[in-house]
């Protein structure tokens, strides 16, 4: 016998500028159920979660109905845009303050916690390995560390239902395992609905799977009726086996000891210490990006992967005593000269461009390495944007604003933006975050094609499956900012 519904949607649709984002959706979440919601970028997953929580309401049609037995604060939501809000509004709270707001479902601290509540926050911080970061400011953390802090915020509260939108994005292996264990609690755990583009990430206690296509739920059944149920568990072990085979074939050497090409390198870094917010991230880095080389950067959350990319791009500089030399950029040259030769994609850019008027504006801004446009775009700007909008199959989205597209579609817009100047170097920070399987495969194929055509690639990733075959070298950042170089053989 089915338990009473916790949240129920019946015949709910959502219209944006005459675009039907959700179409006659009916869905019921009952006590004891834990759902995986599967769908492509732009299929409507995020909007469905927001309808379930009550952050959005269905377009009136005369048939729509949303009912729940829960107060809104008993339904917790975590998605990429919640993380982006801290950047957009400059909410630079400490990690302890961020987690504490989860007790009261507040964005910023408004309520003073009791002693018992402070103890609860401390337990959650320790549970997710954040105790050492408790006094750090949220905006000084890496993308993955911020995501883990928001996960802890979720578990500090007493919500009965968790709505998790691509919550594993940005987390390293250890953090993902901590979250999976928390979601797999057999007693006293939560009911939840989780979206993911990677089946290997799903907790083992998924009870139901729903599939959404073009705004319509096409199936919603217990997992025993789903033909994809078995691959959900096999996927994680298969991926682990593939990673193990890859890492068996590495040959490690201290940073700076590799033989380099006789040609002048594209980038040469010597004796560089990298600091973020007055904290050392990487120590004594000697590294050369030779002409024609493609690299991946590996490391745990907060290890310094993004900081190294920012150094290469020109937004960070080595501490006194270290140097970075870029080919064709003599001392005294404005850094914008270099940036016009470099493409850049990162999750943080999605927050930076949140106020853009259209996807087309975001793409064109890549021509000037800017956030927004100071002048009206030229015909050449529009022509170049047309090319890349069509290439990434998002031309139909050009007039929509950032809030009217999915997170994955926004990521494709950032790829199009990065290609506006046909860069000779492409810097990619977790490039596949938020992409469904088909789009991820397309993007990785595109990155590989670019590399084959001569664009050099440096990509920071958590999952070695996101390293394209053209990448033959890996820089691994370990504890204490120690860096080692790794060569990987992809011939297997």
Protein backbone atom coordinates (compact mmCIF):
# COMPACT_ATOMS: atom_id res chain seq x y z
CA UNK A 1 0.00 0.00 0.00
CA UNK A 2 1.37 3.40 -0.98
CA UNK A 3 2.09 5.90 1.77
CA UNK A 4 0.43 9.35 1.55
CA UNK A 5 2.11 11.82 -0.84
CA UNK A 6 4.63 14.26 0.60
CA UNK A 7 4.55 16.42 -2.53
CA UNK A 8 2.31 15.98 -5.55
CA UNK A 9 2.16 17.74 -8.90
CA UNK A 10 -0.73 17.18 -11.29
CA UNK A 11 -0.94 18.50 -14.86
CA UNK A 12 1.65 21.24 -14.23
CA UNK A 13 3.14 23.23 -17.10
CA UNK A 14 5.66 26.08 -17.19
CA UNK A 15 5.84 28.63 -20.01
CA UNK A 16 8.76 31.00 -20.68
CA UNK A 17 8.31 33.50 -23.53
CA UNK A 18 5.90 31.08 -25.26
CA UNK A 19 8.40 28.25 -24.76
CA UNK A 20 6.90 25.28 -22.91
CA UNK A 21 9.68 24.33 -20.48
CA UNK A 22 7.47 21.83 -18.62
CA UNK A 23 4.50 20.22 -20.31
CA UNK A 24 1.60 18.68 -18.36
CA UNK A 25 3.84 17.14 -15.70
CA UNK A 26 2.39 14.90 -12.99
CA UNK A 27 4.66 13.53 -10.28
CA UNK A 28 4.31 12.23 -6.72
CA UNK A 29 6.95 11.87 -4.02
CA UNK A 30 5.96 9.63 -1.09
CA UNK A 31 7.59 8.87 2.23
CA UNK A 32 10.36 6.29 1.94
CA UNK A 33 11.06 7.05 -1.74
CA UNK A 34 14.42 8.10 -3.11
CA UNK A 35 14.33 9.14 -6.74
CA UNK A 36 16.88 9.57 -9.49
CA UNK A 37 15.70 12.06 -12.11
CA UNK A 38 17.36 11.45 -15.48
CA UNK A 39 17.25 13.78 -18.47
CA UNK A 40 19.32 15.69 -21.00
CA UNK A 41 20.42 19.32 -20.66
CA UNK A 42 17.37 21.54 -21.04
CA UNK A 43 14.88 18.73 -20.48
CA UNK A 44 13.37 20.48 -17.43
CA UNK A 45 14.98 18.74 -14.43
CA UNK A 46 15.87 21.91 -12.50
CA UNK A 47 12.47 23.50 -13.11
CA UNK A 48 10.74 20.36 -11.87
CA UNK A 49 12.73 20.51 -8.62
CA UNK A 50 11.81 24.15 -8.17
CA UNK A 51 8.12 23.37 -8.69
CA UNK A 52 8.35 20.59 -6.11
CA UNK A 53 9.84 22.95 -3.53
CA UNK A 54 7.49 25.82 -4.30
CA UNK A 55 10.18 28.21 -5.53
CA UNK A 56 8.24 28.43 -8.81
CA UNK A 57 4.58 27.96 -9.55
CA UNK A 58 3.00 26.32 -12.58
CA UNK A 59 1.52 28.44 -15.34
CA UNK A 60 -2.27 28.67 -14.75
CA UNK A 61 -4.16 26.36 -17.11
CA UNK A 62 -7.18 25.43 -15.03
CA UNK A 63 -5.88 21.88 -14.55
CA UNK A 64 -2.67 22.44 -12.61
CA UNK A 65 -2.36 21.39 -8.98
CA UNK A 66 0.49 21.31 -6.46
CA UNK A 67 -0.18 19.88 -3.02
CA UNK A 68 2.11 19.04 -0.12
CA UNK A 69 1.86 17.99 3.52
CA UNK A 70 5.15 19.76 4.29
CA UNK A 71 6.03 23.34 5.13
CA UNK A 72 8.47 24.90 2.68
CA UNK A 73 11.33 24.84 5.20
CA UNK A 74 10.90 21.05 5.39
CA UNK A 75 11.87 20.80 1.71
CA UNK A 76 15.52 21.67 1.08
CA UNK A 77 16.93 22.42 -2.38
CA UNK A 78 20.56 22.52 -3.50
CA UNK A 79 21.56 23.34 -7.04
CA UNK A 80 24.31 25.22 -8.85
CA UNK A 81 22.47 28.55 -8.77
CA UNK A 82 22.35 28.54 -4.95
CA UNK A 83 26.14 28.35 -4.97
CA UNK A 84 26.31 31.11 -7.56
CA UNK A 85 24.22 33.43 -5.35
CA UNK A 86 27.11 33.85 -2.91
CA UNK A 87 29.23 35.19 -5.78
CA UNK A 88 26.52 37.40 -7.29
CA UNK A 89 25.58 39.06 -4.00
CA UNK A 90 29.02 39.04 -2.36
CA UNK A 91 27.87 36.94 0.60
CA UNK A 92 31.37 36.20 1.88
CA UNK A 93 30.30 34.37 5.04
CA UNK A 94 32.46 31.97 6.99
CA UNK A 95 31.86 28.27 6.38
CA UNK A 96 30.40 28.01 9.90
CA UNK A 97 27.95 30.82 9.14
CA UNK A 98 26.93 29.21 5.84
CA UNK A 99 26.25 25.86 7.48
CA UNK A 100 24.40 27.53 10.38
CA UNK A 101 21.95 29.24 8.01
CA UNK A 102 20.79 25.76 7.05
CA UNK A 103 19.25 25.41 10.52
CA UNK A 104 16.79 28.20 9.75
CA UNK A 105 16.51 28.05 5.94
CA UNK A 106 18.08 31.52 5.72
CA UNK A 107 20.36 32.89 3.01
CA UNK A 108 22.33 35.07 5.43
CA UNK A 109 22.60 34.82 9.24
CA UNK A 110 19.52 36.34 10.85
CA UNK A 111 18.83 33.99 13.77
CA UNK A 112 21.19 33.40 16.69
CA UNK A 113 21.71 29.62 17.18
CA UNK A 114 21.41 27.99 20.57
CA UNK A 115 24.26 26.05 22.15
CA UNK A 116 22.66 22.77 21.02
CA UNK A 117 22.35 24.10 17.47
CA UNK A 118 25.99 25.20 17.42
CA UNK A 119 26.95 21.70 18.51
CA UNK A 120 24.88 20.27 15.67
CA UNK A 121 26.69 22.50 13.19
CA UNK A 122 30.06 21.37 14.60
CA UNK A 123 29.09 17.71 14.14
CA UNK A 124 28.07 18.33 10.54
CA UNK A 125 31.31 20.21 9.80
CA UNK A 126 33.33 17.28 11.10
CA UNK A 127 31.15 14.77 9.26
CA UNK A 128 31.93 16.34 5.90
CA UNK A 129 35.59 17.07 6.61
CA UNK A 130 35.11 20.84 6.86
CA UNK A 131 36.27 21.45 10.42
CA UNK A 132 39.62 22.80 9.28
CA UNK A 133 37.86 25.27 6.98
CA UNK A 134 35.20 26.42 9.46
CA UNK A 135 36.57 29.99 9.77
CA UNK A 136 37.41 30.38 6.09
CA UNK A 137 35.29 32.73 3.99
CA UNK A 138 33.11 30.96 1.42
CA UNK A 139 34.35 33.06 -1.51
CA UNK A 140 37.98 32.19 -0.73
CA UNK A 141 37.30 28.47 -1.20
CA UNK A 142 37.56 26.39 -4.34
CA UNK A 143 34.42 25.57 -6.31
CA UNK A 144 34.32 22.05 -4.87
CA UNK A 145 34.88 23.24 -1.31
CA UNK A 146 32.00 25.70 -1.66
CA UNK A 147 29.77 22.91 -2.92
CA UNK A 148 30.72 20.70 0.04
CA UNK A 149 29.95 23.55 2.45
CA UNK A 150 26.48 23.86 0.94
CA UNK A 151 26.00 20.08 1.23
CA UNK A 152 26.83 20.41 4.94
CA UNK A 153 24.37 23.31 5.17
CA UNK A 154 21.70 21.00 3.79
CA UNK A 155 22.34 18.31 6.42
CA UNK A 156 22.50 20.83 9.27
CA UNK A 157 18.83 21.60 8.71
CA UNK A 158 15.93 19.33 9.56
CA UNK A 159 14.28 19.09 6.17
CA UNK A 160 12.35 15.88 5.53
CA UNK A 161 12.90 16.04 1.76
CA UNK A 162 16.08 16.91 -0.15
CA UNK A 163 15.94 18.10 -3.77
CA UNK A 164 19.47 17.77 -5.17
CA UNK A 165 20.31 19.16 -8.59
CA UNK A 166 23.63 17.75 -9.91
CA UNK A 167 24.89 17.91 -6.33
CA UNK A 168 27.99 15.78 -7.00
CA UNK A 169 29.37 18.32 -9.48
CA UNK A 170 32.69 19.77 -8.37
CA UNK A 171 33.29 17.26 -5.57
CA UNK A 172 36.44 15.16 -5.44
CA UNK A 173 36.33 11.39 -4.85
CA UNK A 174 36.41 11.59 -1.05
CA UNK A 175 33.73 14.26 -0.86
CA UNK A 176 31.46 12.30 -3.21
CA UNK A 177 31.80 9.22 -1.03
CA UNK A 178 30.93 11.21 2.12
CA UNK A 179 27.79 12.54 0.43
CA UNK A 180 26.78 9.11 -0.89
CA UNK A 181 27.08 7.63 2.60
CA UNK A 182 24.95 10.43 4.02
CA UNK A 183 22.25 9.79 1.41
CA UNK A 184 22.40 6.04 1.95
CA UNK A 185 21.50 6.15 5.65
CA UNK A 186 19.06 3.29 6.19
CA UNK A 187 17.40 4.78 9.28
CA UNK A 188 16.55 8.35 10.08
CA UNK A 189 17.64 9.45 6.64
CA UNK A 190 15.88 11.72 4.18
CA UNK A 191 13.55 11.17 1.31
CA UNK A 192 15.10 12.74 -1.76
CA UNK A 193 15.10 13.38 -5.46
CA UNK A 194 18.49 13.67 -7.13
CA UNK A 195 19.45 14.60 -10.67
CA UNK A 196 22.69 13.38 -12.20
CA UNK A 197 24.23 12.99 -15.63
CA UNK A 198 26.62 10.31 -14.36
CA UNK A 199 24.92 7.06 -13.25
CA UNK A 200 28.07 5.95 -11.40
CA UNK A 201 27.47 8.77 -8.87
CA UNK A 202 24.03 7.60 -7.76
CA UNK A 203 23.66 6.22 -4.23
CA UNK A 204 22.91 2.50 -4.03
CA UNK A 205 19.56 3.02 -2.27
CA UNK A 206 17.74 4.68 -5.19
CA UNK A 207 14.19 3.31 -5.10
CA UNK A 208 12.69 4.96 -8.20
CA UNK A 209 13.84 6.42 -11.50
CA UNK A 210 12.02 9.11 -13.49
CA UNK A 211 12.99 10.15 -17.00
CA UNK A 212 12.17 13.54 -18.43
CA UNK A 213 12.39 14.53 -22.08
CA UNK A 214 11.59 17.96 -23.51
CA UNK A 215 9.63 18.97 -20.44
CA UNK A 216 7.56 15.78 -20.16
CA UNK A 217 7.99 12.89 -17.74
CA UNK A 218 8.10 9.84 -20.01
CA UNK A 219 8.53 7.23 -17.25
CA UNK A 220 8.45 7.08 -13.45
CA UNK A 221 8.76 3.62 -11.91
CA UNK A 222 10.36 1.67 -9.08
CA UNK A 223 13.94 0.87 -9.95
CA UNK A 224 13.28 -2.88 -10.22
CA UNK A 225 11.18 -2.08 -13.31
CA UNK A 226 13.93 0.02 -14.86
CA UNK A 227 16.20 -1.70 -17.37
CA UNK A 228 18.92 0.82 -16.39
CA UNK A 229 18.91 -0.20 -12.73
CA UNK A 230 21.77 -2.69 -12.97
CA UNK A 231 24.04 -0.37 -14.96
CA UNK A 232 23.57 2.29 -12.28
CA UNK A 233 25.65 0.20 -9.88
CA UNK A 234 27.97 -1.34 -12.43
CA UNK A 235 28.86 2.08 -13.82
CA UNK A 236 30.71 3.16 -10.68
CA UNK A 237 32.83 0.00 -10.48
CA UNK A 238 33.55 -0.01 -14.21
CA UNK A 239 34.72 3.61 -14.00
CA UNK A 240 36.89 2.80 -10.99
CA UNK A 241 38.43 -0.11 -12.87
CA UNK A 242 39.15 2.08 -15.89
CA UNK A 243 40.76 4.70 -13.66
CA UNK A 244 42.85 2.03 -11.94
CA UNK A 245 44.09 0.71 -15.28
CA UNK A 246 45.02 4.19 -16.39
CA UNK A 247 46.85 5.08 -13.24
CA UNK A 248 48.81 1.84 -13.37
CA UNK A 249 50.43 3.12 -16.51
CA UNK A 250 51.76 6.41 -15.19
CA UNK A 251 55.38 7.33 -14.75
CA UNK A 252 55.91 10.02 -12.15
CA UNK A 253 58.72 12.55 -12.05
CA UNK A 254 59.36 15.64 -9.93
CA UNK A 255 57.98 18.85 -11.38
CA UNK A 256 60.49 20.63 -13.53
CA UNK A 257 62.60 17.56 -14.42
CA UNK A 258 61.04 16.70 -17.78
CA UNK A 259 62.97 17.30 -20.95
CA UNK A 260 61.49 20.17 -22.89
CA UNK A 261 61.41 21.02 -26.56
CA UNK A 262 64.21 23.15 -27.96
CA UNK A 263 61.58 25.57 -29.29
CA UNK A 264 60.63 28.45 -27.05
CA UNK A 265 57.77 27.26 -24.80
CA UNK A 266 54.35 28.84 -24.82
CA UNK A 267 54.48 29.31 -21.03
CA UNK A 268 57.37 28.85 -18.60
CA UNK A 269 56.89 29.07 -14.81
CA UNK A 270 59.88 29.19 -12.49
CA UNK A 271 60.11 28.97 -8.67
CA UNK A 272 56.50 30.10 -8.35
CA UNK A 273 54.53 30.20 -5.12
CA UNK A 274 50.83 30.80 -5.72
CA UNK A 275 48.66 32.43 -3.05
CA UNK A 276 44.90 32.87 -2.87
CA UNK A 277 43.61 35.32 -0.28
CA UNK A 278 47.01 35.38 1.45
CA UNK A 279 47.09 31.59 1.76
CA UNK A 280 49.72 29.48 -0.01
CA UNK A 281 48.20 27.07 -2.52
CA UNK A 282 51.11 25.82 -4.65
CA UNK A 283 54.78 25.91 -3.64
CA UNK A 284 57.98 26.16 -5.73
CA UNK A 285 56.40 25.33 -9.06
CA UNK A 286 58.76 24.84 -11.99
CA UNK A 287 56.74 23.91 -15.06
CA UNK A 288 56.92 24.38 -18.79
CA UNK A 289 54.07 24.26 -21.29
CA UNK A 290 55.99 23.39 -24.43
CA UNK A 291 54.62 24.05 -27.90
CA UNK A 292 52.22 21.31 -28.96
CA UNK A 293 51.73 19.84 -25.46
CA UNK A 294 48.32 19.23 -23.90
CA UNK A 295 47.99 18.85 -20.13
CA UNK A 296 45.51 17.82 -17.46
CA UNK A 297 45.65 19.01 -13.84
CA UNK A 298 44.50 16.65 -11.09
CA UNK A 299 44.04 17.28 -7.39
CA UNK A 300 41.55 17.25 -4.53
CA UNK A 301 39.12 20.07 -3.76
CA UNK A 302 41.12 23.13 -2.71
CA UNK A 303 44.44 21.76 -3.92
CA UNK A 304 45.02 24.67 -6.32
CA UNK A 305 43.89 23.42 -9.75
CA UNK A 306 41.79 26.50 -10.50
CA UNK A 307 44.49 28.79 -9.08
CA UNK A 308 47.03 27.36 -11.51
CA UNK A 309 44.65 27.95 -14.41
CA UNK A 310 44.10 31.51 -13.20
CA UNK A 311 47.87 31.98 -13.15
CA UNK A 312 48.14 30.76 -16.74
CA UNK A 313 45.28 33.05 -17.79
CA UNK A 314 46.73 36.11 -16.11
CA UNK A 315 44.29 36.72 -13.24
CA UNK A 316 46.88 35.58 -10.67
CA UNK A 317 50.61 36.20 -10.47
CA UNK A 318 53.50 34.36 -8.76
CA UNK A 319 54.62 35.61 -5.37
CA UNK A 320 57.83 37.64 -5.18
CA UNK A 321 60.75 35.53 -6.38
CA UNK A 322 58.76 33.52 -8.92
CA UNK A 323 58.33 34.22 -12.61
CA UNK A 324 56.00 33.36 -15.47
CA UNK A 325 56.95 33.98 -19.09
CA UNK A 326 54.45 33.83 -21.94
CA UNK A 327 55.59 33.62 -25.56
CA UNK A 328 55.02 36.90 -27.40
CA UNK A 329 54.25 38.79 -24.19
CA UNK A 330 57.38 40.69 -23.16
CA UNK A 331 57.52 42.50 -19.82
CA UNK A 332 55.34 45.60 -19.80
CA UNK A 333 52.74 44.15 -22.20
CA UNK A 334 49.15 44.56 -21.02
CA UNK A 335 47.76 41.20 -19.95
CA UNK A 336 44.71 41.66 -22.21
CA UNK A 337 47.02 41.07 -25.18
CA UNK A 338 47.63 37.57 -23.86
CA UNK A 339 44.00 36.95 -22.89
CA UNK A 340 42.87 37.51 -26.47
CA UNK A 341 44.95 34.45 -27.38
CA UNK A 342 43.45 32.27 -24.64
CA UNK A 343 40.01 30.67 -24.25
CA UNK A 344 38.66 30.19 -20.74
CA UNK A 345 35.81 28.03 -19.38
CA UNK A 346 35.02 27.55 -15.69
CA UNK A 347 31.96 27.04 -13.46
CA UNK A 348 32.51 30.44 -11.83
CA UNK A 349 31.92 32.18 -15.16
CA UNK A 350 28.27 31.15 -14.97
CA UNK A 351 27.83 33.37 -11.92
CA UNK A 352 29.79 36.22 -13.52
CA UNK A 353 27.46 36.37 -16.53
CA UNK A 354 24.22 35.92 -14.61
CA UNK A 355 23.01 39.47 -15.39
CA UNK A 356 23.66 39.29 -19.14
CA UNK A 357 20.71 40.24 -21.32
CA UNK A 358 21.07 37.24 -23.64
CA UNK A 359 23.09 34.15 -24.46
CA UNK A 360 24.28 35.94 -27.60
CA UNK A 361 25.75 38.75 -25.47
CA UNK A 362 27.61 36.21 -23.34
CA UNK A 363 29.11 34.54 -26.40
CA UNK A 364 30.16 37.83 -28.02
CA UNK A 365 31.80 39.01 -24.77
CA UNK A 366 34.41 36.30 -25.33
CA UNK A 367 35.76 38.35 -28.21
CA UNK A 368 36.80 41.02 -25.68
CA UNK A 369 37.53 38.81 -22.63
CA UNK A 370 34.94 40.86 -20.77
CA UNK A 371 31.86 40.40 -18.63
CA UNK A 372 29.15 42.17 -20.63
CA UNK A 373 29.64 44.49 -23.58
CA UNK A 374 30.62 48.15 -23.49
CA UNK A 375 29.57 48.80 -27.10
CA UNK A 376 27.06 47.41 -29.53
CA UNK A 377 28.39 44.29 -31.28
CA UNK A 378 29.77 44.65 -34.80
CA UNK A 379 28.71 42.58 -37.80
CA UNK A 380 31.92 40.57 -37.40
CA UNK A 381 31.06 39.90 -33.75
CA UNK A 382 27.59 38.65 -34.66
CA UNK A 383 28.91 36.50 -37.50
CA UNK A 384 31.48 34.83 -35.23
CA UNK A 385 28.82 34.28 -32.56
CA UNK A 386 26.51 32.72 -35.16
CA UNK A 387 29.18 30.19 -36.04
CA UNK A 388 29.75 28.98 -32.51
CA UNK A 389 26.09 29.12 -31.43
CA UNK A 390 25.30 26.83 -34.34
CA UNK A 391 28.29 24.60 -33.67
CA UNK A 392 27.13 23.92 -30.11
CA UNK A 393 23.50 23.62 -31.22
CA UNK A 394 22.27 26.47 -29.00
CA UNK A 395 21.39 28.96 -31.76
CA UNK A 396 17.72 28.74 -30.74
CA UNK A 397 18.68 30.03 -27.27
CA UNK A 398 20.50 33.17 -28.43
CA UNK A 399 17.81 35.63 -27.28
CA UNK A 400 17.13 33.98 -23.93
CA UNK A 401 18.64 35.21 -20.68
CA UNK A 402 20.85 33.07 -18.42
CA UNK A 403 17.93 32.28 -16.11
CA UNK A 404 15.88 30.95 -19.03
CA UNK A 405 18.28 28.13 -19.95
CA UNK A 406 19.51 25.08 -18.10
CA UNK A 407 22.86 24.93 -16.33
CA UNK A 408 24.20 22.62 -19.00
CA UNK A 409 23.01 24.88 -21.82
CA UNK A 410 24.73 27.80 -20.11
CA UNK A 411 27.94 25.77 -20.03
CA UNK A 412 27.71 25.29 -23.81
CA UNK A 413 27.30 29.06 -24.18
CA UNK A 414 30.56 29.50 -22.24
CA UNK A 415 32.30 27.09 -24.61
CA UNK A 416 31.04 29.14 -27.54
CA UNK A 417 32.28 32.27 -25.75
CA UNK A 418 35.74 30.74 -25.26
CA UNK A 419 36.08 30.04 -28.99
CA UNK A 420 35.21 33.53 -30.26
CA UNK A 421 38.87 34.44 -30.92
CA UNK A 422 39.95 30.99 -32.17
CA UNK A 423 42.39 30.74 -29.23
CA UNK A 424 45.78 29.06 -29.42
CA UNK A 425 45.45 27.95 -25.78
CA UNK A 426 42.22 26.71 -24.19
CA UNK A 427 42.02 26.60 -20.37
CA UNK A 428 39.24 24.36 -19.07
CA UNK A 429 38.23 24.17 -15.41
CA UNK A 430 35.98 21.11 -14.92
CA UNK A 431 34.66 21.49 -18.49
CA UNK A 432 32.10 18.66 -18.27
CA UNK A 433 30.39 19.80 -15.09
CA UNK A 434 26.63 19.92 -15.69
CA UNK A 435 26.69 18.22 -19.11
CA UNK A 436 24.55 15.20 -19.95
CA UNK A 437 26.15 12.10 -21.44
CA UNK A 438 25.53 12.97 -25.09
CA UNK A 439 26.63 16.59 -24.76
CA UNK A 440 29.63 15.55 -22.67
CA UNK A 441 30.71 13.14 -25.40
CA UNK A 442 30.23 15.87 -28.02
CA UNK A 443 32.26 18.40 -26.01
CA UNK A 444 35.08 15.95 -25.33
CA UNK A 445 35.14 15.09 -29.02
CA UNK A 446 35.28 18.77 -29.84
CA UNK A 447 38.17 19.33 -27.38
CA UNK A 448 40.03 16.41 -28.94
CA UNK A 449 39.43 17.82 -32.43
CA UNK A 450 40.74 21.23 -31.37
CA UNK A 451 43.87 19.65 -29.95
CA UNK A 452 44.45 17.70 -33.15
CA UNK A 453 44.17 20.96 -35.10
CA UNK A 454 46.81 22.67 -32.97
CA UNK A 455 44.93 24.41 -30.13
CA UNK A 456 46.76 23.59 -26.93
CA UNK A 457 44.66 22.31 -24.04
CA UNK A 458 45.14 22.59 -20.28
CA UNK A 459 42.21 21.06 -18.41
CA UNK A 460 41.58 20.69 -14.67
CA UNK A 461 39.38 17.68 -13.86
CA UNK A 462 38.34 15.41 -10.99
CA UNK A 463 37.35 12.46 -13.18
CA UNK A 464 40.08 10.98 -15.37
CA UNK A 465 37.34 9.92 -17.81
CA UNK A 466 37.12 13.59 -18.77
CA UNK A 467 40.74 13.68 -19.97
CA UNK A 468 40.79 13.54 -23.77
CA UNK A 469 43.31 11.22 -25.52
CA UNK A 470 45.25 14.19 -26.91
CA UNK A 471 46.37 14.95 -23.35
CA UNK A 472 49.60 13.04 -22.68
CA UNK A 473 50.83 14.87 -19.58
CA UNK A 474 49.30 15.39 -16.15
CA UNK A 475 50.26 17.77 -13.37
CA UNK A 476 49.09 16.35 -10.06
CA UNK A 477 48.78 18.73 -7.09
CA UNK A 478 49.13 16.96 -3.77
CA UNK A 479 48.99 17.97 -0.13
CA UNK A 480 50.92 21.05 0.94
CA UNK A 481 50.99 22.39 -2.61
CA UNK A 482 53.49 19.77 -3.80
CA UNK A 483 53.33 19.26 -7.56
CA UNK A 484 54.43 16.24 -9.56
CA UNK A 485 54.28 15.52 -13.29
CA UNK A 486 52.70 12.39 -14.69
CA UNK A 487 52.74 10.91 -18.17
CA UNK A 488 49.68 8.85 -19.12
CA UNK A 489 49.44 6.20 -21.80
CA UNK A 490 45.96 6.15 -23.35
CA UNK A 491 46.74 3.34 -25.78
CA UNK A 492 44.86 0.78 -23.68
